[in-house]
Protein backbone atom coordinates (compact mmCIF):
# COMPACT_ATOMS: atom_id res chain seq x y z
CA MET A 1 -61.30 20.36 -9.19
CA ALA A 2 -58.62 20.98 -6.62
CA GLU A 3 -56.24 18.18 -5.76
CA GLU A 4 -55.58 17.44 -2.13
CA THR A 5 -51.97 17.34 -1.09
CA ASN A 6 -50.72 15.73 2.05
CA LYS A 7 -48.25 18.23 3.51
CA ASN A 8 -46.98 15.89 6.21
CA PRO A 9 -46.97 12.40 4.76
CA GLU A 10 -46.04 9.69 7.21
CA PRO A 11 -43.31 7.30 6.12
CA GLU A 12 -44.53 3.86 5.22
CA LYS A 13 -44.12 1.35 8.00
CA SER A 14 -43.52 -1.98 6.33
CA GLY A 15 -41.66 -3.60 9.21
CA LYS A 16 -38.48 -3.91 7.13
CA ALA A 17 -35.17 -2.47 8.28
CA THR A 18 -34.02 0.63 6.49
CA LYS A 19 -30.92 0.60 4.32
CA ALA A 20 -28.90 2.39 7.00
CA GLU A 21 -29.70 -0.32 9.55
CA LYS A 22 -28.43 -3.11 7.27
CA VAL A 23 -24.99 -1.63 6.57
CA LYS A 24 -22.21 -3.04 8.72
CA THR A 25 -19.31 -0.71 9.40
CA LYS A 26 -15.77 -1.01 10.64
CA GLN A 27 -13.30 1.61 11.86
CA VAL A 28 -9.82 1.51 10.39
CA GLU A 29 -6.67 3.59 10.47
CA ILE A 30 -5.28 4.62 7.09
CA ILE A 31 -1.57 3.68 6.98
CA LYS A 32 -0.73 4.20 3.30
CA PHE A 33 -1.95 6.70 0.69
CA HIS A 34 -4.51 5.38 -1.80
CA PRO A 35 -5.65 7.72 -4.61
CA LEU A 36 -9.25 6.46 -4.60
CA VAL A 37 -9.80 6.79 -0.84
CA ALA A 38 -10.84 10.23 0.38
CA HIS A 39 -8.87 10.01 3.64
CA GLU A 40 -5.36 11.04 4.61
CA VAL A 41 -2.72 8.83 6.24
CA GLY A 42 -3.36 8.69 9.98
CA GLU A 43 -7.11 9.30 9.78
CA GLN A 44 -9.47 6.82 11.42
CA PRO A 45 -12.61 6.73 9.27
CA ILE A 46 -15.58 4.44 9.74
CA LEU A 47 -16.11 2.58 6.47
CA THR A 48 -18.41 -0.14 5.23
CA GLU A 49 -17.17 -3.53 6.31
CA GLU A 50 -16.52 -4.55 2.69
CA LYS A 51 -14.40 -1.48 1.89
CA ALA A 52 -12.54 -1.69 5.20
CA ASP A 53 -11.68 -5.36 4.63
CA GLU A 54 -10.52 -4.56 1.09
CA LEU A 55 -8.16 -1.81 2.30
CA ILE A 56 -6.85 -3.99 5.14
CA GLU A 57 -6.19 -6.86 2.72
CA LYS A 58 -4.27 -4.55 0.37
CA LYS A 59 -2.23 -3.13 3.31
CA TYR A 60 -3.62 0.42 2.97
CA ALA A 61 -5.28 0.35 6.41
CA LYS A 62 -5.28 -1.51 9.69
CA ALA A 63 -8.28 -2.45 11.80
CA LEU A 64 -8.93 -0.66 15.06
CA LYS A 65 -10.39 -2.39 18.10
């Protein structure tokens, strides 16, 4: 017997927010080199709020408005 395959499956609609919608982000400016951060001094990456706050607290970045 041949198995049917659905070539264009529709994503499940459960009413829940996707992972990307739940992540809060914050833009910072890197002011000091950190070996575990993949950004150069002067760059303005958008990071997760947790990582941004951690870098700001440790004086490796400053928050942008």
